[in-house]
Amino acid sequence: MKYLLLILLTATLMSCSGGRNSTGYSLINDMMYSETYEAFSTNPVFYDGQTMQPPPAGTIARGHMPQPMTADGQPVVQENPYAMTEYTWKRGELLFQRTCSHCHGAQGQGDGKVVTEGGFPAPPKFRSRTFKYSKRDSYPAGEIFNVITYGKGNMASHAQNLYPEDRWYVAEYVREKLMTRGKK
């Protein structure tokens, strides 16, 4: 009993030292007071002297699975893995209006403000005979997804602007609503 009381008294005295913001006594000082380095500073720990190291070869960032490619380096045309609901149709339309309509126009006629007021070349109209794939059935959503992801012609990649699932929603919206408007 005497030893138990001594242990409790020692533990109480050690835990009460240093004020309310103190973590108590440090038994392993290297863990409590570790040396930190800024991201772009030199670092003597690593062989190349850099603090910020490249990721190991073959690793993929969480949530960024790369798209499969063909033997000649072209992206594979995939099917939309997401179910289209009333919400996703509205989201696709909203994202098209916010991200794409500046060039393509609200109805996909290539008459956005960037073209009419900025002097940039007009993108192809989604419902014209000159547009190579003006029929919805011959232009799958995966093709539109690839154009949004990787860009084509004067259009730059928009992969950094839209999440992958949002790119699918925009691709389906363009394919189903803008390419076939009035043709069903």
C-alpha atoms as a PDB file:
ATOM      1  CA  MET A   1       0.000   0.000   0.000  1.00  0.00           C
ATOM      2  CA  LYS A   2       2.897   2.321   0.803  1.00  0.00           C
ATOM      3  CA  TYR A   3       4.379   1.806  -2.691  1.00  0.00           C
ATOM      4  CA  LEU A   4       1.043   2.446  -4.404  1.00  0.00           C
ATOM      5  CA  LEU A   5       0.643   5.700  -2.499  1.00  0.00           C
ATOM      6  CA  LEU A   6       4.190   6.706  -3.444  1.00  0.00           C
ATOM      7  CA  ILE A   7       3.541   5.974  -7.147  1.00  0.00           C
ATOM      8  CA  LEU A   8       0.286   7.956  -7.129  1.00  0.00           C
ATOM      9  CA  LEU A   9       1.936  10.898  -5.390  1.00  0.00           C
ATOM     10  CA  THR A  10       4.844  10.884  -7.894  1.00  0.00           C
ATOM     11  CA  ALA A  11       2.463  10.692 -10.877  1.00  0.00           C
ATOM     12  CA  THR A  12       0.375  13.557  -9.483  1.00  0.00           C
ATOM     13  CA  LEU A  13       3.395  15.774  -8.933  1.00  0.00           C
ATOM     14  CA  MET A  14       4.774  15.051 -12.436  1.00  0.00           C
ATOM     15  CA  SER A  15       1.462  15.753 -14.145  1.00  0.00           C
ATOM     16  CA  CYS A  16       0.858  19.060 -12.384  1.00  0.00           C
ATOM     17  CA  SER A  17       4.090  20.779 -13.384  1.00  0.00           C
ATOM     18  CA  GLY A  18       4.377  23.583 -15.932  1.00  0.00           C
ATOM     19  CA  GLY A  19       0.895  25.128 -15.998  1.00  0.00           C
ATOM     20  CA  ARG A  20      -2.237  24.159 -17.890  1.00  0.00           C
ATOM     21  CA  ASN A  21      -0.713  24.390 -21.406  1.00  0.00           C
ATOM     22  CA  SER A  22       2.242  22.204 -20.568  1.00  0.00           C
ATOM     23  CA  THR A  23       2.422  18.563 -21.616  1.00  0.00           C
ATOM     24  CA  GLY A  24       4.420  17.714 -18.495  1.00  0.00           C
ATOM     25  CA  TYR A  25       7.902  16.319 -18.328  1.00  0.00           C
ATOM     26  CA  SER A  26       9.620  15.079 -21.451  1.00  0.00           C
ATOM     27  CA  LEU A  27      11.286  11.708 -21.190  1.00  0.00           C
ATOM     28  CA  ILE A  28      12.318  11.553 -24.863  1.00  0.00           C
ATOM     29  CA  ASN A  29      13.378  15.068 -25.850  1.00  0.00           C
ATOM     30  CA  ASP A  30      13.933  14.222 -29.527  1.00  0.00           C
ATOM     31  CA  MET A  31      10.224  13.530 -29.890  1.00  0.00           C
ATOM     32  CA  MET A  32       9.050  16.638 -28.043  1.00  0.00           C
ATOM     33  CA  TYR A  33      11.506  19.116 -29.515  1.00  0.00           C
ATOM     34  CA  SER A  34      12.068  17.786 -33.028  1.00  0.00           C
ATOM     35  CA  GLU A  35      13.834  19.898 -35.622  1.00  0.00           C
ATOM     36  CA  THR A  36      11.542  21.071 -38.438  1.00  0.00           C
ATOM     37  CA  TYR A  37      12.376  22.171 -41.970  1.00  0.00           C
ATOM     38  CA  GLU A  38      10.468  24.390 -44.377  1.00  0.00           C
ATOM     39  CA  ALA A  39       9.214  22.689 -47.553  1.00  0.00           C
ATOM     40  CA  PHE A  40      11.740  24.251 -49.966  1.00  0.00           C
ATOM     41  CA  SER A  41      14.687  24.515 -47.584  1.00  0.00           C
ATOM     42  CA  THR A  42      17.821  22.380 -47.591  1.00  0.00           C
ATOM     43  CA  ASN A  43      17.798  19.291 -45.432  1.00  0.00           C
ATOM     44  CA  PRO A  44      20.872  17.301 -44.326  1.00  0.00           C
ATOM     45  CA  VAL A  45      18.771  14.188 -43.659  1.00  0.00           C
ATOM     46  CA  PHE A  46      18.040  13.332 -47.315  1.00  0.00           C
ATOM     47  CA  TYR A  47      20.651  12.305 -49.882  1.00  0.00           C
ATOM     48  CA  ASP A  48      19.736  15.095 -52.335  1.00  0.00           C
ATOM     49  CA  GLY A  49      19.617  17.811 -49.650  1.00  0.00           C
ATOM     50  CA  GLN A  50      15.969  18.747 -50.328  1.00  0.00           C
ATOM     51  CA  THR A  51      13.234  18.728 -47.713  1.00  0.00           C
ATOM     52  CA  MET A  52      10.354  18.227 -50.127  1.00  0.00           C
ATOM     53  CA  GLN A  53      10.865  14.827 -51.725  1.00  0.00           C
ATOM     54  CA  PRO A  54       9.186  13.562 -54.917  1.00  0.00           C
ATOM     55  CA  PRO A  55       6.655  10.769 -54.435  1.00  0.00           C
ATOM     56  CA  PRO A  56       7.973   7.227 -54.827  1.00  0.00           C
ATOM     57  CA  ALA A  57       7.813   5.826 -58.361  1.00  0.00           C
ATOM     58  CA  GLY A  58       4.550   4.120 -59.212  1.00  0.00           C
ATOM     59  CA  THR A  59       2.483   5.782 -56.485  1.00  0.00           C
ATOM     60  CA  ILE A  60      -0.837   7.485 -57.141  1.00  0.00           C
ATOM     61  CA  ALA A  61      -2.315  10.300 -55.092  1.00  0.00           C
ATOM     62  CA  ARG A  62      -5.463   9.338 -53.220  1.00  0.00           C
ATOM     63  CA  GLY A  63      -8.556   9.983 -55.333  1.00  0.00           C
ATOM     64  CA  HIS A  64      -6.599  10.544 -58.567  1.00  0.00           C
ATOM     65  CA  MET A  65      -6.577   7.219 -60.362  1.00  0.00           C
ATOM     66  CA  PRO A  66      -5.149   7.812 -63.849  1.00  0.00           C
ATOM     67  CA  GLN A  67      -7.262   7.029 -66.868  1.00  0.00           C
ATOM     68  CA  PRO A  68      -6.250   3.961 -68.888  1.00  0.00           C
ATOM     69  CA  MET A  69      -4.410   4.653 -72.146  1.00  0.00           C
ATOM     70  CA  THR A  70      -4.223   2.765 -75.430  1.00  0.00           C
ATOM     71  CA  ALA A  71      -0.950   1.441 -76.837  1.00  0.00           C
ATOM     72  CA  ASP A  72      -0.452   4.654 -78.849  1.00  0.00           C
ATOM     73  CA  GLY A  73      -0.923   6.880 -75.785  1.00  0.00           C
ATOM     74  CA  GLN A  74      -4.522   7.984 -76.393  1.00  0.00           C
ATOM     75  CA  PRO A  75      -7.044   7.903 -73.533  1.00  0.00           C
ATOM     76  CA  VAL A  76      -9.479   4.996 -73.625  1.00  0.00           C
ATOM     77  CA  VAL A  77     -13.095   6.008 -74.196  1.00  0.00           C
ATOM     78  CA  GLN A  78     -14.957   4.854 -71.116  1.00  0.00           C
ATOM     79  CA  GLU A  79     -18.587   4.625 -70.107  1.00  0.00           C
ATOM     80  CA  ASN A  80     -19.958   6.986 -67.490  1.00  0.00           C
ATOM     81  CA  PRO A  81     -19.554   5.210 -64.125  1.00  0.00           C
ATOM     82  CA  TYR A  82     -22.022   7.544 -62.380  1.00  0.00           C
ATOM     83  CA  ALA A  83     -25.795   7.274 -62.463  1.00  0.00           C
ATOM     84  CA  MET A  84     -27.523  10.325 -63.874  1.00  0.00           C
ATOM     85  CA  THR A  85     -30.228  11.612 -61.549  1.00  0.00           C
ATOM     86  CA  GLU A  86     -32.193  14.846 -61.486  1.00  0.00           C
ATOM     87  CA  TYR A  87     -29.501  16.313 -59.224  1.00  0.00           C
ATOM     88  CA  THR A  88     -26.616  15.301 -61.512  1.00  0.00           C
ATOM     89  CA  TRP A  89     -28.371  16.710 -64.588  1.00  0.00           C
ATOM     90  CA  LYS A  90     -28.809  20.038 -62.784  1.00  0.00           C
ATOM     91  CA  ARG A  91     -25.216  19.911 -61.572  1.00  0.00           C
ATOM     92  CA  GLY A  92     -23.972  19.199 -65.097  1.00  0.00           C
ATOM     93  CA  GLU A  93     -25.957  22.136 -66.445  1.00  0.00           C
ATOM     94  CA  LEU A  94     -24.739  24.453 -63.678  1.00  0.00           C
ATOM     95  CA  LEU A  95     -21.101  23.455 -64.183  1.00  0.00           C
ATOM     96  CA  PHE A  96     -21.433  23.864 -67.959  1.00  0.00           C
ATOM     97  CA  GLN A  97     -22.814  27.376 -67.459  1.00  0.00           C
ATOM     98  CA  ARG A  98     -20.028  28.277 -65.015  1.00  0.00           C
ATOM     99  CA  THR A  99     -17.090  26.611 -66.733  1.00  0.00           C
ATOM    100  CA  CYS A 100     -17.858  26.125 -70.426  1.00  0.00           C
ATOM    101  CA  SER A 101     -20.399  28.728 -71.527  1.00  0.00           C
ATOM    102  CA  HIS A 102     -17.800  31.507 -71.609  1.00  0.00           C
ATOM    103  CA  CYS A 103     -16.486  29.997 -74.847  1.00  0.00           C
ATOM    104  CA  HIS A 104     -19.210  27.604 -76.014  1.00  0.00           C
ATOM    105  CA  GLY A 105     -22.167  29.860 -75.202  1.00  0.00           C
ATOM    106  CA  ALA A 106     -25.195  29.000 -73.072  1.00  0.00           C
ATOM    107  CA  GLN A 107     -26.723  26.772 -75.766  1.00  0.00           C
ATOM    108  CA  GLY A 108     -23.468  25.335 -77.126  1.00  0.00           C
ATOM    109  CA  GLN A 109     -23.465  27.451 -80.292  1.00  0.00           C
ATOM    110  CA  GLY A 110     -19.890  28.703 -79.946  1.00  0.00           C
ATOM    111  CA  ASP A 111     -21.004  32.248 -79.164  1.00  0.00           C
ATOM    112  CA  GLY A 112     -19.687  32.825 -75.651  1.00  0.00           C
ATOM    113  CA  LYS A 113     -18.323  36.150 -74.448  1.00  0.00           C
ATOM    114  CA  VAL A 114     -14.729  35.020 -74.937  1.00  0.00           C
ATOM    115  CA  VAL A 115     -15.514  34.593 -78.640  1.00  0.00           C
ATOM    116  CA  THR A 116     -17.835  37.561 -79.241  1.00  0.00           C
ATOM    117  CA  GLU A 117     -15.999  40.122 -77.099  1.00  0.00           C
ATOM    118  CA  GLY A 118     -12.548  38.649 -76.653  1.00  0.00           C
ATOM    119  CA  GLY A 119     -11.721  37.842 -80.254  1.00  0.00           C
ATOM    120  CA  PHE A 120     -10.843  34.198 -79.624  1.00  0.00           C
ATOM    121  CA  PRO A 121     -11.669  31.606 -82.301  1.00  0.00           C
ATOM    122  CA  ALA A 122     -15.113  30.076 -81.967  1.00  0.00           C
ATOM    123  CA  PRO A 123     -15.355  26.465 -80.814  1.00  0.00           C
ATOM    124  CA  PRO A 124     -17.488  24.093 -82.890  1.00  0.00           C
ATOM    125  CA  LYS A 125     -21.241  24.279 -82.401  1.00  0.00           C
ATOM    126  CA  PHE A 126     -22.643  21.216 -80.711  1.00  0.00           C
ATOM    127  CA  ARG A 127     -25.616  20.988 -83.104  1.00  0.00           C
ATOM    128  CA  SER A 128     -24.165  21.858 -86.466  1.00  0.00           C
ATOM    129  CA  ARG A 129     -23.368  19.801 -89.545  1.00  0.00           C
ATOM    130  CA  THR A 130     -19.799  21.011 -89.445  1.00  0.00           C
ATOM    131  CA  PHE A 131     -19.341  19.501 -85.990  1.00  0.00           C
ATOM    132  CA  LYS A 132     -17.783  16.149 -86.750  1.00  0.00           C
ATOM    133  CA  TYR A 133     -19.993  14.151 -84.398  1.00  0.00           C
ATOM    134  CA  SER A 134     -23.279  16.055 -84.421  1.00  0.00           C
ATOM    135  CA  LYS A 135     -25.297  12.936 -83.668  1.00  0.00           C
ATOM    136  CA  ARG A 136     -25.524  11.957 -80.037  1.00  0.00           C
ATOM    137  CA  ASP A 137     -25.205   8.221 -80.698  1.00  0.00           C
ATOM    138  CA  SER A 138     -21.928   8.510 -82.595  1.00  0.00           C
ATOM    139  CA  TYR A 139     -20.286  10.674 -79.921  1.00  0.00           C
ATOM    140  CA  PRO A 140     -20.201   8.872 -76.562  1.00  0.00           C
ATOM    141  CA  ALA A 141     -19.962  10.736 -73.281  1.00  0.00           C
ATOM    142  CA  GLY A 142     -16.484   9.250 -72.797  1.00  0.00           C
ATOM    143  CA  GLU A 143     -15.212  11.240 -75.809  1.00  0.00           C
ATOM    144  CA  ILE A 144     -16.557  14.468 -74.350  1.00  0.00           C
ATOM    145  CA  PHE A 145     -15.083  13.520 -70.961  1.00  0.00           C
ATOM    146  CA  ASN A 146     -11.672  13.032 -72.627  1.00  0.00           C
ATOM    147  CA  VAL A 147     -11.896  16.414 -74.372  1.00  0.00           C
ATOM    148  CA  ILE A 148     -12.750  18.108 -71.066  1.00  0.00           C
ATOM    149  CA  THR A 149      -9.963  16.220 -69.295  1.00  0.00           C
ATOM    150  CA  TYR A 150      -7.146  16.519 -71.865  1.00  0.00           C
ATOM    151  CA  GLY A 151      -8.270  19.361 -74.135  1.00  0.00           C
ATOM    152  CA  LYS A 152      -8.487  19.389 -77.917  1.00  0.00           C
ATOM    153  CA  GLY A 153      -7.572  21.955 -80.548  1.00  0.00           C
ATOM    154  CA  ASN A 154      -7.715  25.433 -78.998  1.00  0.00           C
ATOM    155  CA  MET A 155      -9.435  24.110 -75.889  1.00  0.00           C
ATOM    156  CA  ALA A 156      -7.118  23.557 -72.952  1.00  0.00           C
ATOM    157  CA  SER A 157      -7.566  20.833 -70.361  1.00  0.00           C
ATOM    158  CA  HIS A 158     -10.182  21.556 -67.709  1.00  0.00           C
ATOM    159  CA  ALA A 159      -9.141  18.668 -65.452  1.00  0.00           C
ATOM    160  CA  GLN A 160      -7.895  21.104 -62.822  1.00  0.00           C
ATOM    161  CA  ASN A 161     -11.231  22.976 -62.822  1.00  0.00           C
ATOM    162  CA  LEU A 162     -13.631  20.045 -62.432  1.00  0.00           C
ATOM    163  CA  TYR A 163     -13.585  16.882 -60.369  1.00  0.00           C
ATOM    164  CA  PRO A 164     -13.749  13.672 -62.441  1.00  0.00           C
ATOM    165  CA  GLU A 165     -17.382  12.988 -61.534  1.00  0.00           C
ATOM    166  CA  ASP A 166     -18.288  16.595 -62.413  1.00  0.00           C
ATOM    167  CA  ARG A 167     -16.604  16.163 -65.811  1.00  0.00           C
ATOM    168  CA  TRP A 168     -18.858  13.160 -66.405  1.00  0.00           C
ATOM    169  CA  TYR A 169     -21.936  15.212 -65.483  1.00  0.00           C
ATOM    170  CA  VAL A 170     -20.926  18.001 -67.870  1.00  0.00           C
ATOM    171  CA  ALA A 171     -20.156  15.471 -70.621  1.00  0.00           C
ATOM    172  CA  GLU A 172     -23.572  13.847 -70.237  1.00  0.00           C
ATOM    173  CA  TYR A 173     -25.279  17.249 -70.162  1.00  0.00           C
ATOM    174  CA  VAL A 174     -23.534  18.309 -73.369  1.00  0.00           C
ATOM    175  CA  ARG A 175     -24.259  15.000 -75.081  1.00  0.00           C
ATOM    176  CA  GLU A 176     -27.895  14.628 -74.063  1.00  0.00           C
ATOM    177  CA  LYS A 177     -29.139  18.200 -73.764  1.00  0.00           C
ATOM    178  CA  LEU A 178     -27.047  20.388 -76.053  1.00  0.00           C
ATOM    179  CA  MET A 179     -26.175  18.053 -78.939  1.00  0.00           C
ATOM    180  CA  THR A 180     -29.739  16.852 -79.445  1.00  0.00           C
ATOM    181  CA  ARG A 181     -31.853  19.861 -78.540  1.00  0.00           C
ATOM    182  CA  GLY A 182     -34.852  19.900 -80.824  1.00  0.00           C
ATOM    183  CA  LYS A 183     -33.772  16.765 -82.728  1.00  0.00           C
ATOM    184  CA  LYS A 184     -35.496  14.010 -80.745  1.00  0.00           C
END
